[in-house]
Amino acid sequence: MDGVLGYARTFFIGGAYSPPEFPEFAAAVVHFHKTIEDLARDIEQDAEFRDITAEALLQGPFSDAMTHAGQLAMLRRLAGSPVPPENFVFAAIGPANLGPGQPLPVSPDKVWPERP
């Protein structure tokens, strides 16, 4: 997803994006969250779109990233490490928590049959 969201940033800052390779997974996670924070800052500061509309950004790289998030959730469930279910209408989602230290669910589902 780093590649998809890094690519999305090019529509604000120009250039091309190729995700770097990291020797350790932890470094890749830190870089991924930095990419998200940079993209959020571009959006928050109303950076000018380059050769794309907001709709195309949503229907292209953002939709692609959301698809990958669903795939990762499915793979985690299959691996025995499911993501806790939560009502995302009430989730603590915002620009202040884009890093790896995510808050616990605000409104977790009471029933969780796949609980490890």
PDB file of N, CA and C in Angstrom:
ATOM      1  N   MET A   1       0.814  -1.192   0.000  1.00  0.00           N
ATOM      2  CA  MET A   1       0.000   0.000   0.000  1.00  0.00           C
ATOM      3  C   MET A   1       0.859   1.257   0.000  1.00  0.00           C
ATOM      4  N   ASP A   2       2.096   1.122   0.465  1.00  0.00           N
ATOM      5  CA  ASP A   2       3.003   2.264   0.434  1.00  0.00           C
ATOM      6  C   ASP A   2       3.172   2.762  -0.997  1.00  0.00           C
ATOM      7  N   GLY A   3       3.293   1.846  -1.930  1.00  0.00           N
ATOM      8  CA  GLY A   3       3.447   2.231  -3.328  1.00  0.00           C
ATOM      9  C   GLY A   3       2.225   2.964  -3.859  1.00  0.00           C
ATOM     10  N   VAL A   4       1.036   2.485  -3.513  1.00  0.00           N
ATOM     11  CA  VAL A   4      -0.211   3.100  -3.977  1.00  0.00           C
ATOM     12  C   VAL A   4      -0.368   4.504  -3.395  1.00  0.00           C
ATOM     13  N   LEU A   5      -0.123   4.643  -2.092  1.00  0.00           N
ATOM     14  CA  LEU A   5      -0.301   5.956  -1.461  1.00  0.00           C
ATOM     15  C   LEU A   5       0.837   6.914  -1.803  1.00  0.00           C
ATOM     16  N   GLY A   6       2.037   6.387  -1.991  1.00  0.00           N
ATOM     17  CA  GLY A   6       3.141   7.218  -2.471  1.00  0.00           C
ATOM     18  C   GLY A   6       2.853   7.735  -3.870  1.00  0.00           C
ATOM     19  N   TYR A   7       2.277   6.866  -4.700  1.00  0.00           N
ATOM     20  CA  TYR A   7       1.865   7.268  -6.049  1.00  0.00           C
ATOM     21  C   TYR A   7       0.796   8.361  -5.971  1.00  0.00           C
ATOM     22  N   ALA A   8      -0.151   8.220  -5.029  1.00  0.00           N
ATOM     23  CA  ALA A   8      -1.188   9.241  -4.870  1.00  0.00           C
ATOM     24  C   ALA A   8      -0.570  10.599  -4.548  1.00  0.00           C
ATOM     25  N   ARG A   9       0.504  10.603  -3.763  1.00  0.00           N
ATOM     26  CA  ARG A   9       1.173  11.878  -3.424  1.00  0.00           C
ATOM     27  C   ARG A   9       1.738  12.565  -4.651  1.00  0.00           C
ATOM     28  N   THR A  10       2.117  11.821  -5.670  1.00  0.00           N
ATOM     29  CA  THR A  10       2.696  12.451  -6.858  1.00  0.00           C
ATOM     30  C   THR A  10       1.702  13.387  -7.530  1.00  0.00           C
ATOM     31  N   PHE A  11       0.408  13.177  -7.277  1.00  0.00           N
ATOM     32  CA  PHE A  11      -0.600  14.066  -7.854  1.00  0.00           C
ATOM     33  C   PHE A  11      -0.693  15.389  -7.096  1.00  0.00           C
ATOM     34  N   PHE A  12       0.073  15.502  -6.009  1.00  0.00           N
ATOM     35  CA  PHE A  12       0.186  16.761  -5.274  1.00  0.00           C
ATOM     36  C   PHE A  12       1.576  17.372  -5.434  1.00  0.00           C
ATOM     37  N   ILE A  13       2.611  16.531  -5.384  1.00  0.00           N
ATOM     38  CA  ILE A  13       3.983  17.042  -5.360  1.00  0.00           C
ATOM     39  C   ILE A  13       4.737  16.836  -6.670  1.00  0.00           C
ATOM     40  N   GLY A  14       4.135  16.096  -7.606  1.00  0.00           N
ATOM     41  CA  GLY A  14       4.803  15.822  -8.872  1.00  0.00           C
ATOM     42  C   GLY A  14       5.789  14.670  -8.757  1.00  0.00           C
ATOM     43  N   GLY A  15       6.487  14.411  -9.847  1.00  0.00           N
ATOM     44  CA  GLY A  15       7.499  13.369  -9.862  1.00  0.00           C
ATOM     45  C   GLY A  15       6.915  11.982  -9.986  1.00  0.00           C
ATOM     46  N   ALA A  16       7.713  11.009  -9.616  1.00  0.00           N
ATOM     47  CA  ALA A  16       7.325   9.599  -9.653  1.00  0.00           C
ATOM     48  C   ALA A  16       7.601   9.004  -8.278  1.00  0.00           C
ATOM     49  N   TYR A  17       7.025   7.843  -8.007  1.00  0.00           N
ATOM     50  CA  TYR A  17       7.243   7.211  -6.712  1.00  0.00           C
ATOM     51  C   TYR A  17       7.541   5.734  -6.901  1.00  0.00           C
ATOM     52  N   SER A  18       8.561   5.298  -6.236  1.00  0.00           N
ATOM     53  CA  SER A  18       8.898   3.881  -6.175  1.00  0.00           C
ATOM     54  C   SER A  18       9.185   3.581  -4.711  1.00  0.00           C
ATOM     55  N   PRO A  19       8.426   2.661  -4.102  1.00  0.00           N
ATOM     56  CA  PRO A  19       8.640   2.421  -2.677  1.00  0.00           C
ATOM     57  C   PRO A  19      10.039   1.874  -2.402  1.00  0.00           C
ATOM     58  N   PRO A  20      10.695   2.414  -1.390  1.00  0.00           N
ATOM     59  CA  PRO A  20      12.032   1.926  -1.063  1.00  0.00           C
ATOM     60  C   PRO A  20      11.962   0.545  -0.425  1.00  0.00           C
ATOM     61  N   GLU A  21      13.075  -0.155  -0.485  1.00  0.00           N
ATOM     62  CA  GLU A  21      13.171  -1.454   0.186  1.00  0.00           C
ATOM     63  C   GLU A  21      13.857  -1.252   1.529  1.00  0.00           C
ATOM     64  N   PHE A  22      13.377  -1.963   2.542  1.00  0.00           N
ATOM     65  CA  PHE A  22      13.924  -1.849   3.886  1.00  0.00           C
ATOM     66  C   PHE A  22      14.396  -3.218   4.355  1.00  0.00           C
ATOM     67  N   PRO A  23      15.527  -3.261   5.067  1.00  0.00           N
ATOM     68  CA  PRO A  23      16.022  -4.545   5.547  1.00  0.00           C
ATOM     69  C   PRO A  23      15.151  -5.136   6.658  1.00  0.00           C
ATOM     70  N   GLU A  24      14.412  -4.271   7.367  1.00  0.00           N
ATOM     71  CA  GLU A  24      13.575  -4.738   8.465  1.00  0.00           C
ATOM     72  C   GLU A  24      12.137  -4.275   8.265  1.00  0.00           C
ATOM     73  N   PHE A  25      11.211  -5.143   8.619  1.00  0.00           N
ATOM     74  CA  PHE A  25       9.793  -4.831   8.464  1.00  0.00           C
ATOM     75  C   PHE A  25       9.400  -3.604   9.272  1.00  0.00           C
ATOM     76  N   ALA A  26       9.941  -3.463  10.473  1.00  0.00           N
ATOM     77  CA  ALA A  26       9.599  -2.325  11.337  1.00  0.00           C
ATOM     78  C   ALA A  26       9.904  -0.994  10.649  1.00  0.00           C
ATOM     79  N   ALA A  27      11.009  -0.922   9.921  1.00  0.00           N
ATOM     80  CA  ALA A  27      11.360   0.311   9.203  1.00  0.00           C
ATOM     81  C   ALA A  27      10.360   0.580   8.079  1.00  0.00           C
ATOM     82  N   ALA A  28       9.888  -0.472   7.429  1.00  0.00           N
ATOM     83  CA  ALA A  28       8.891  -0.313   6.371  1.00  0.00           C
ATOM     84  C   ALA A  28       7.577   0.199   6.945  1.00  0.00           C
ATOM     85  N   VAL A  29       7.216  -0.265   8.129  1.00  0.00           N
ATOM     86  CA  VAL A  29       5.988   0.189   8.783  1.00  0.00           C
ATOM     87  C   VAL A  29       6.088   1.676   9.122  1.00  0.00           C
ATOM     88  N   VAL A  30       7.222   2.089   9.666  1.00  0.00           N
ATOM     89  CA  VAL A  30       7.433   3.505   9.992  1.00  0.00           C
ATOM     90  C   VAL A  30       7.333   4.349   8.724  1.00  0.00           C
ATOM     91  N   HIS A  31       7.961   3.899   7.653  1.00  0.00           N
ATOM     92  CA  HIS A  31       7.924   4.640   6.383  1.00  0.00           C
ATOM     93  C   HIS A  31       6.500   4.716   5.845  1.00  0.00           C
ATOM     94  N   PHE A  32       5.738   3.625   5.938  1.00  0.00           N
ATOM     95  CA  PHE A  32       4.357   3.608   5.465  1.00  0.00           C
ATOM     96  C   PHE A  32       3.528   4.670   6.191  1.00  0.00           C
ATOM     97  N   HIS A  33       3.672   4.723   7.502  1.00  0.00           N
ATOM     98  CA  HIS A  33       2.907   5.715   8.266  1.00  0.00           C
ATOM     99  C   HIS A  33       3.358   7.145   7.949  1.00  0.00           C
ATOM    100  N   LYS A  34       4.614   7.318   7.661  1.00  0.00           N
ATOM    101  CA  LYS A  34       5.119   8.641   7.248  1.00  0.00           C
ATOM    102  C   LYS A  34       4.484   9.043   5.911  1.00  0.00           C
ATOM    103  N   THR A  35       4.367   8.087   5.009  1.00  0.00           N
ATOM    104  CA  THR A  35       3.730   8.354   3.715  1.00  0.00           C
ATOM    105  C   THR A  35       2.281   8.786   3.921  1.00  0.00           C
ATOM    106  N   ILE A  36       1.565   8.102   4.806  1.00  0.00           N
ATOM    107  CA  ILE A  36       0.173   8.466   5.097  1.00  0.00           C
ATOM    108  C   ILE A  36       0.109   9.874   5.691  1.00  0.00           C
ATOM    109  N   GLU A  37       0.998  10.169   6.631  1.00  0.00           N
ATOM    110  CA  GLU A  37       1.008  11.497   7.247  1.00  0.00           C
ATOM    111  C   GLU A  37       1.301  12.583   6.215  1.00  0.00           C
ATOM    112  N   ASP A  38       2.235  12.325   5.312  1.00  0.00           N
ATOM    113  CA  ASP A  38       2.566  13.313   4.268  1.00  0.00           C
ATOM    114  C   ASP A  38       1.382  13.536   3.339  1.00  0.00           C
ATOM    115  N   LEU A  39       0.706  12.458   2.951  1.00  0.00           N
ATOM    116  CA  LEU A  39      -0.452  12.572   2.076  1.00  0.00           C
ATOM    117  C   LEU A  39      -1.578  13.320   2.784  1.00  0.00           C
ATOM    118  N   ALA A  40      -1.795  13.016   4.051  1.00  0.00           N
ATOM    119  CA  ALA A  40      -2.829  13.722   4.818  1.00  0.00           C
ATOM    120  C   ALA A  40      -2.520  15.214   4.907  1.00  0.00           C
ATOM    121  N   ARG A  41      -1.253  15.542   5.097  1.00  0.00           N
ATOM    122  CA  ARG A  41      -0.857  16.958   5.169  1.00  0.00           C
ATOM    123  C   ARG A  41      -1.130  17.645   3.829  1.00  0.00           C
ATOM    124  N   ASP A  42      -0.816  16.971   2.724  1.00  0.00           N
ATOM    125  CA  ASP A  42      -1.089  17.547   1.402  1.00  0.00           C
ATOM    126  C   ASP A  42      -2.574  17.861   1.251  1.00  0.00           C
ATOM    127  N   ILE A  43      -3.410  16.933   1.670  1.00  0.00           N
ATOM    128  CA  ILE A  43      -4.857  17.122   1.553  1.00  0.00           C
ATOM    129  C   ILE A  43      -5.327  18.222   2.492  1.00  0.00           C
ATOM    130  N   GLU A  44      -4.851  18.185   3.732  1.00  0.00           N
ATOM    131  CA  GLU A  44      -5.268  19.168   4.733  1.00  0.00           C
ATOM    132  C   GLU A  44      -4.886  20.597   4.333  1.00  0.00           C
ATOM    133  N   GLN A  45      -3.742  20.741   3.684  1.00  0.00           N
ATOM    134  CA  GLN A  45      -3.273  22.069   3.286  1.00  0.00           C
ATOM    135  C   GLN A  45      -3.830  22.501   1.932  1.00  0.00           C
ATOM    136  N   ASP A  46      -4.817  21.737   1.447  1.00  0.00           N
ATOM    137  CA  ASP A  46      -5.448  22.053   0.156  1.00  0.00           C
ATOM    138  C   ASP A  46      -4.427  22.204  -0.958  1.00  0.00           C
ATOM    139  N   ALA A  47      -3.441  21.301  -0.979  1.00  0.00           N
ATOM    140  CA  ALA A  47      -2.453  21.323  -2.052  1.00  0.00           C
ATOM    141  C   ALA A  47      -3.175  21.166  -3.388  1.00  0.00           C
ATOM    142  N   GLU A  48      -2.650  21.789  -4.393  1.00  0.00           N
ATOM    143  CA  GLU A  48      -3.270  21.757  -5.715  1.00  0.00           C
ATOM    144  C   GLU A  48      -3.087  20.389  -6.361  1.00  0.00           C
ATOM    145  N   PHE A  49      -4.173  19.867  -6.951  1.00  0.00           N
ATOM    146  CA  PHE A  49      -4.097  18.607  -7.685  1.00  0.00           C
ATOM    147  C   PHE A  49      -3.319  18.806  -8.974  1.00  0.00           C
ATOM    148  N   ARG A  50      -2.515  17.823  -9.339  1.00  0.00           N
ATOM    149  CA  ARG A  50      -1.767  17.859 -10.597  1.00  0.00           C
ATOM    150  C   ARG A  50      -2.303  16.763 -11.507  1.00  0.00           C
ATOM    151  N   ASP A  51      -2.974  17.160 -12.560  1.00  0.00           N
ATOM    152  CA  ASP A  51      -3.435  16.226 -13.594  1.00  0.00           C
ATOM    153  C   ASP A  51      -4.390  15.158 -13.079  1.00  0.00           C
ATOM    154  N   ILE A  52      -5.183  15.476 -12.067  1.00  0.00           N
ATOM    155  CA  ILE A  52      -6.172  14.531 -11.553  1.00  0.00           C
ATOM    156  C   ILE A  52      -7.258  15.327 -10.830  1.00  0.00           C
ATOM    157  N   THR A  53      -8.439  14.749 -10.765  1.00  0.00           N
ATOM    158  CA  THR A  53      -9.521  15.360  -9.991  1.00  0.00           C
ATOM    159  C   THR A  53      -9.621  14.636  -8.651  1.00  0.00           C
ATOM    160  N   ALA A  54     -10.319  15.252  -7.714  1.00  0.00           N
ATOM    161  CA  ALA A  54     -10.532  14.610  -6.419  1.00  0.00           C
ATOM    162  C   ALA A  54     -11.282  13.292  -6.608  1.00  0.00           C
ATOM    163  N   GLU A  55     -12.235  13.272  -7.523  1.00  0.00           N
ATOM    164  CA  GLU A  55     -13.006  12.059  -7.780  1.00  0.00           C
ATOM    165  C   GLU A  55     -12.114  10.936  -8.308  1.00  0.00           C
ATOM    166  N   ALA A  56     -11.210  11.267  -9.235  1.00  0.00           N
ATOM    167  CA  ALA A  56     -10.321  10.255  -9.797  1.00  0.00           C
ATOM    168  C   ALA A  56      -9.324   9.752  -8.749  1.00  0.00           C
ATOM    169  N   LEU A  57      -8.904  10.637  -7.857  1.00  0.00           N
ATOM    170  CA  LEU A  57      -8.009  10.228  -6.774  1.00  0.00           C
ATOM    171  C   LEU A  57      -8.722   9.231  -5.857  1.00  0.00           C
ATOM    172  N   LEU A  58      -9.991   9.507  -5.549  1.00  0.00           N
ATOM    173  CA  LEU A  58     -10.777   8.604  -4.715  1.00  0.00           C
ATOM    174  C   LEU A  58     -11.034   7.281  -5.432  1.00  0.00           C
ATOM    175  N   GLN A  59     -11.405   7.345  -6.707  1.00  0.00           N
ATOM    176  CA  GLN A  59     -11.743   6.139  -7.455  1.00  0.00           C
ATOM    177  C   GLN A  59     -10.505   5.348  -7.886  1.00  0.00           C
ATOM    178  N   GLY A  60      -9.338   5.979  -7.868  1.00  0.00           N
ATOM    179  CA  GLY A  60      -8.107   5.302  -8.279  1.00  0.00           C
ATOM    180  C   GLY A  60      -7.303   4.835  -7.083  1.00  0.00           C
ATOM    181  N   PRO A  61      -6.243   5.580  -6.714  1.00  0.00           N
ATOM    182  CA  PRO A  61      -5.344   5.086  -5.677  1.00  0.00           C
ATOM    183  C   PRO A  61      -5.996   4.905  -4.303  1.00  0.00           C
ATOM    184  N   PHE A  62      -6.940   5.756  -3.922  1.00  0.00           N
ATOM    185  CA  PHE A  62      -7.555   5.588  -2.601  1.00  0.00           C
ATOM    186  C   PHE A  62      -8.416   4.323  -2.556  1.00  0.00           C
ATOM    187  N   SER A  63      -9.180   4.075  -3.612  1.00  0.00           N
ATOM    188  CA  SER A  63      -9.973   2.842  -3.660  1.00  0.00           C
ATOM    189  C   SER A  63      -9.073   1.620  -3.693  1.00  0.00           C
ATOM    190  N   ASP A  64      -7.968   1.721  -4.405  1.00  0.00           N
ATOM    191  CA  ASP A  64      -7.003   0.619  -4.457  1.00  0.00           C
ATOM    192  C   ASP A  64      -6.455   0.328  -3.057  1.00  0.00           C
ATOM    193  N   ALA A  65      -6.114   1.368  -2.314  1.00  0.00           N
ATOM    194  CA  ALA A  65      -5.591   1.189  -0.953  1.00  0.00           C
ATOM    195  C   ALA A  65      -6.652   0.569  -0.040  1.00  0.00           C
ATOM    196  N   MET A  66      -7.913   0.984  -0.191  1.00  0.00           N
ATOM    197  CA  MET A  66      -8.973   0.407   0.633  1.00  0.00           C
ATOM    198  C   MET A  66      -9.176  -1.069   0.312  1.00  0.00           C
ATOM    199  N   THR A  67      -9.048  -1.432  -0.960  1.00  0.00           N
ATOM    200  CA  THR A  67      -9.141  -2.839  -1.346  1.00  0.00           C
ATOM    201  C   THR A  67      -8.026  -3.637  -0.682  1.00  0.00           C
ATOM    202  N   HIS A  68      -6.813  -3.085  -0.700  1.00  0.00           N
ATOM    203  CA  HIS A  68      -5.685  -3.778  -0.058  1.00  0.00           C
ATOM    204  C   HIS A  68      -5.900  -3.911   1.446  1.00  0.00           C
ATOM    205  N   ALA A  69      -6.489  -2.904   2.080  1.00  0.00           N
ATOM    206  CA  ALA A  69      -6.766  -2.994   3.523  1.00  0.00           C
ATOM    207  C   ALA A  69      -7.710  -4.158   3.799  1.00  0.00           C
ATOM    208  N   GLY A  70      -8.718  -4.332   2.967  1.00  0.00           N
ATOM    209  CA  GLY A  70      -9.634  -5.458   3.119  1.00  0.00           C
ATOM    210  C   GLY A  70      -8.940  -6.794   2.907  1.00  0.00           C
ATOM    211  N   GLN A  71      -8.047  -6.846   1.921  1.00  0.00           N
ATOM    212  CA  GLN A  71      -7.300  -8.075   1.677  1.00  0.00           C
ATOM    213  C   GLN A  71      -6.412  -8.424   2.867  1.00  0.00           C
ATOM    214  N   LEU A  72      -5.758  -7.418   3.445  1.00  0.00           N
ATOM    215  CA  LEU A  72      -4.910  -7.665   4.611  1.00  0.00           C
ATOM    216  C   LEU A  72      -5.735  -8.134   5.809  1.00  0.00           C
ATOM    217  N   ALA A  73      -6.923  -7.561   5.989  1.00  0.00           N
ATOM    218  CA  ALA A  73      -7.795  -7.998   7.085  1.00  0.00           C
ATOM    219  C   ALA A  73      -8.189  -9.466   6.886  1.00  0.00           C
ATOM    220  N   MET A  74      -8.502  -9.846   5.655  1.00  0.00           N
ATOM    221  CA  MET A  74      -8.868 -11.227   5.366  1.00  0.00           C
ATOM    222  C   MET A  74      -7.687 -12.165   5.630  1.00  0.00           C
ATOM    223  N   LEU A  75      -6.497 -11.784   5.185  1.00  0.00           N
ATOM    224  CA  LEU A  75      -5.319 -12.624   5.397  1.00  0.00           C
ATOM    225  C   LEU A  75      -4.995 -12.761   6.889  1.00  0.00           C
ATOM    226  N   ARG A  76      -5.161 -11.692   7.645  1.00  0.00           N
ATOM    227  CA  ARG A  76      -4.930 -11.777   9.089  1.00  0.00           C
ATOM    228  C   ARG A  76      -5.915 -12.744   9.731  1.00  0.00           C
ATOM    229  N   ARG A  77      -7.170 -12.699   9.291  1.00  0.00           N
ATOM    230  CA  ARG A  77      -8.173 -13.613   9.840  1.00  0.00           C
ATOM    231  C   ARG A  77      -7.788 -15.057   9.521  1.00  0.00           C
ATOM    232  N   LEU A  78      -7.375 -15.311   8.288  1.00  0.00           N
ATOM    233  CA  LEU A  78      -6.972 -16.662   7.893  1.00  0.00           C
ATOM    234  C   LEU A  78      -5.734 -17.140   8.647  1.00  0.00           C
ATOM    235  N   ALA A  79      -4.865 -16.204   9.035  1.00  0.00           N
ATOM    236  CA  ALA A  79      -3.638 -16.552   9.757  1.00  0.00           C
ATOM    237  C   ALA A  79      -3.865 -16.666  11.259  1.00  0.00           C
ATOM    238  N   GLY A  80      -5.107 -16.465  11.720  1.00  0.00           N
ATOM    239  CA  GLY A  80      -5.401 -16.588  13.140  1.00  0.00           C
ATOM    240  C   GLY A  80      -5.122 -15.337  13.949  1.00  0.00           C
ATOM    241  N   SER A  81      -4.955 -14.198  13.277  1.00  0.00           N
ATOM    242  CA  SER A  81      -4.705 -12.933  13.963  1.00  0.00           C
ATOM    243  C   SER A  81      -5.660 -11.865  13.422  1.00  0.00           C
ATOM    244  N   PRO A  82      -6.977 -12.066  13.651  1.00  0.00           N
ATOM    245  CA  PRO A  82      -7.946 -11.149  13.044  1.00  0.00           C
ATOM    246  C   PRO A  82      -7.899  -9.751  13.639  1.00  0.00           C
ATOM    247  N   VAL A  83      -8.296  -8.792  12.825  1.00  0.00           N
ATOM    248  CA  VAL A  83      -8.445  -7.408  13.275  1.00  0.00           C
ATOM    249  C   VAL A  83      -9.732  -7.354  14.098  1.00  0.00           C
ATOM    250  N   PRO A  84      -9.690  -6.771  15.298  1.00  0.00           N
ATOM    251  CA  PRO A  84     -10.923  -6.687  16.096  1.00  0.00           C
ATOM    252  C   PRO A  84     -12.009  -5.923  15.338  1.00  0.00           C
ATOM    253  N   PRO A  85     -13.229  -6.467  15.320  1.00  0.00           N
ATOM    254  CA  PRO A  85     -14.314  -5.769  14.620  1.00  0.00           C
ATOM    255  C   PRO A  85     -14.721  -4.517  15.392  1.00  0.00           C
ATOM    256  N   GLU A  86     -15.089  -3.506  14.653  1.00  0.00           N
ATOM    257  CA  GLU A  86     -15.467  -2.237  15.275  1.00  0.00           C
ATOM    258  C   GLU A  86     -16.443  -1.515  14.380  1.00  0.00           C
ATOM    259  N   ASN A  87     -17.352  -0.764  14.973  1.00  0.00           N
ATOM    260  CA  ASN A  87     -18.260   0.088  14.228  1.00  0.00           C
ATOM    261  C   ASN A  87     -17.479   1.334  13.828  1.00  0.00           C
ATOM    262  N   PHE A  88     -17.094   1.433  12.559  1.00  0.00           N
ATOM    263  CA  PHE A  88     -16.227   2.514  12.113  1.00  0.00           C
ATOM    264  C   PHE A  88     -16.932   3.866  12.035  1.00  0.00           C
ATOM    265  N   VAL A  89     -18.253   3.879  12.195  1.00  0.00           N
ATOM    266  CA  VAL A  89     -18.958   5.151  12.283  1.00  0.00           C
ATOM    267  C   VAL A  89     -18.507   5.894  13.537  1.00  0.00           C
ATOM    268  N   PHE A  90     -18.186   5.127  14.596  1.00  0.00           N
ATOM    269  CA  PHE A  90     -17.810   5.718  15.877  1.00  0.00           C
ATOM    270  C   PHE A  90     -16.311   5.591  16.172  1.00  0.00           C
ATOM    271  N   ALA A  91     -15.545   5.051  15.245  1.00  0.00           N
ATOM    272  CA  ALA A  91     -14.110   4.825  15.465  1.00  0.00           C
ATOM    273  C   ALA A  91     -13.367   6.149  15.608  1.00  0.00           C
ATOM    274  N   ALA A  92     -12.271   6.098  16.344  1.00  0.00           N
ATOM    275  CA  ALA A  92     -11.427   7.289  16.552  1.00  0.00           C
ATOM    276  C   ALA A  92     -10.496   7.439  15.349  1.00  0.00           C
ATOM    277  N   ILE A  93     -11.064   7.880  14.237  1.00  0.00           N
ATOM    278  CA  ILE A  93     -10.308   8.058  13.003  1.00  0.00           C
ATOM    279  C   ILE A  93     -10.098   9.545  12.794  1.00  0.00           C
ATOM    280  N   GLY A  94      -8.854   9.947  12.617  1.00  0.00           N
ATOM    281  CA  GLY A  94      -8.586  11.359  12.405  1.00  0.00           C
ATOM    282  C   GLY A  94      -7.120  11.599  12.141  1.00  0.00           C
ATOM    283  N   PRO A  95      -6.780  12.812  11.759  1.00  0.00           N
ATOM    284  CA  PRO A  95      -5.386  13.113  11.408  1.00  0.00           C
ATOM    285  C   PRO A  95      -4.416  12.995  12.578  1.00  0.00           C
ATOM    286  N   ALA A  96      -4.914  12.977  13.795  1.00  0.00           N
ATOM    287  CA  ALA A  96      -4.014  12.879  14.947  1.00  0.00           C
ATOM    288  C   ALA A  96      -3.528  11.450  15.203  1.00  0.00           C
ATOM    289  N   ASN A  97      -4.150  10.462  14.576  1.00  0.00           N
ATOM    290  CA  ASN A  97      -3.734   9.079  14.827  1.00  0.00           C
ATOM    291  C   ASN A  97      -3.431   8.322  13.530  1.00  0.00           C
ATOM    292  N   LEU A  98      -2.533   8.869  12.741  1.00  0.00           N
ATOM    293  CA  LEU A  98      -2.136   8.225  11.489  1.00  0.00           C
ATOM    294  C   LEU A  98      -0.902   7.345  11.643  1.00  0.00           C
ATOM    295  N   GLY A  99      -0.273   7.369  12.805  1.00  0.00           N
ATOM    296  CA  GLY A  99       0.940   6.600  13.029  1.00  0.00           C
ATOM    297  C   GLY A  99       0.646   5.172  13.453  1.00  0.00           C
ATOM    298  N   PRO A 100       1.697   4.439  13.781  1.00  0.00           N
ATOM    299  CA  PRO A 100       1.525   3.027  14.144  1.00  0.00           C
ATOM    300  C   PRO A 100       0.850   2.814  15.503  1.00  0.00           C
ATOM    301  N   GLY A 101       0.831   3.790  16.390  1.00  0.00           N
ATOM    302  CA  GLY A 101       0.201   3.648  17.700  1.00  0.00           C
ATOM    303  C   GLY A 101      -1.287   3.908  17.622  1.00  0.00           C
ATOM    304  N   GLN A 102      -2.042   2.948  17.163  1.00  0.00           N
ATOM    305  CA  GLN A 102      -3.475   3.136  16.968  1.00  0.00           C
ATOM    306  C   GLN A 102      -4.249   2.946  18.268  1.00  0.00           C
ATOM    307  N   PRO A 103      -5.322   3.731  18.470  1.00  0.00           N
ATOM    308  CA  PRO A 103      -6.119   3.593  19.687  1.00  0.00           C
ATOM    309  C   PRO A 103      -6.927   2.298  19.673  1.00  0.00           C
ATOM    310  N   LEU A 104      -7.338   1.874  20.853  1.00  0.00           N
ATOM    311  CA  LEU A 104      -8.221   0.718  20.954  1.00  0.00           C
ATOM    312  C   LEU A 104      -9.580   1.085  20.373  1.00  0.00           C
ATOM    313  N   PRO A 105     -10.359   0.089  19.955  1.00  0.00           N
ATOM    314  CA  PRO A 105     -11.687   0.387  19.400  1.00  0.00           C
ATOM    315  C   PRO A 105     -12.554   1.166  20.383  1.00  0.00           C
ATOM    316  N   VAL A 106     -13.241   2.172  19.871  1.00  0.00           N
ATOM    317  CA  VAL A 106     -14.142   2.984  20.676  1.00  0.00           C
ATOM    318  C   VAL A 106     -15.465   2.258  20.864  1.00  0.00           C
ATOM    319  N   SER A 107     -15.906   1.590  19.809  1.00  0.00           N
ATOM    320  CA  SER A 107     -17.187   0.889  19.834  1.00  0.00           C
ATOM    321  C   SER A 107     -16.997  -0.514  19.268  1.00  0.00           C
ATOM    322  N   PRO A 108     -16.288  -1.390  20.023  1.00  0.00           N
ATOM    323  CA  PRO A 108     -16.046  -2.735  19.494  1.00  0.00           C
ATOM    324  C   PRO A 108     -17.337  -3.541  19.413  1.00  0.00           C
ATOM    325  N   ASP A 109     -17.377  -4.451  18.441  1.00  0.00           N
ATOM    326  CA  ASP A 109     -18.524  -5.344  18.332  1.00  0.00           C
ATOM    327  C   ASP A 109     -18.570  -6.238  19.565  1.00  0.00           C
ATOM    328  N   LYS A 110     -19.774  -6.438  20.115  1.00  0.00           N
ATOM    329  CA  LYS A 110     -19.914  -7.293  21.294  1.00  0.00           C
ATOM    330  C   LYS A 110     -19.684  -8.764  20.937  1.00  0.00           C
ATOM    331  N   VAL A 111     -20.093  -9.146  19.734  1.00  0.00           N
ATOM    332  CA  VAL A 111     -19.929 -10.536  19.289  1.00  0.00           C
ATOM    333  C   VAL A 111     -18.754 -10.588  18.336  1.00  0.00           C
ATOM    334  N   TRP A 112     -17.809 -11.475  18.654  1.00  0.00           N
ATOM    335  CA  TRP A 112     -16.615 -11.644  17.823  1.00  0.00           C
ATOM    336  C   TRP A 112     -16.287 -13.132  17.770  1.00  0.00           C
ATOM    337  N   PRO A 113     -16.945 -13.864  16.860  1.00  0.00           N
ATOM    338  CA  PRO A 113     -16.762 -15.318  16.815  1.00  0.00           C
ATOM    339  C   PRO A 113     -15.324 -15.752  16.485  1.00  0.00           C
ATOM    340  N   GLU A 114     -14.571 -14.921  15.771  1.00  0.00           N
ATOM    341  CA  GLU A 114     -13.216 -15.298  15.375  1.00  0.00           C
ATOM    342  C   GLU A 114     -12.167 -14.918  16.411  1.00  0.00           C
ATOM    343  N   ARG A 115     -12.600 -14.454  17.586  1.00  0.00           N
ATOM    344  CA  ARG A 115     -11.639 -14.000  18.605  1.00  0.00           C
ATOM    345  C   ARG A 115     -10.581 -15.076  18.816  1.00  0.00           C
ATOM    346  N   PRO A 116      -9.293 -14.666  18.763  1.00  0.00           N
ATOM    347  CA  PRO A 116      -8.223 -15.673  18.954  1.00  0.00           C
ATOM    348  C   PRO A 116      -8.177 -16.180  20.380  1.00  0.00           C
TER     349      PRO A 116
END
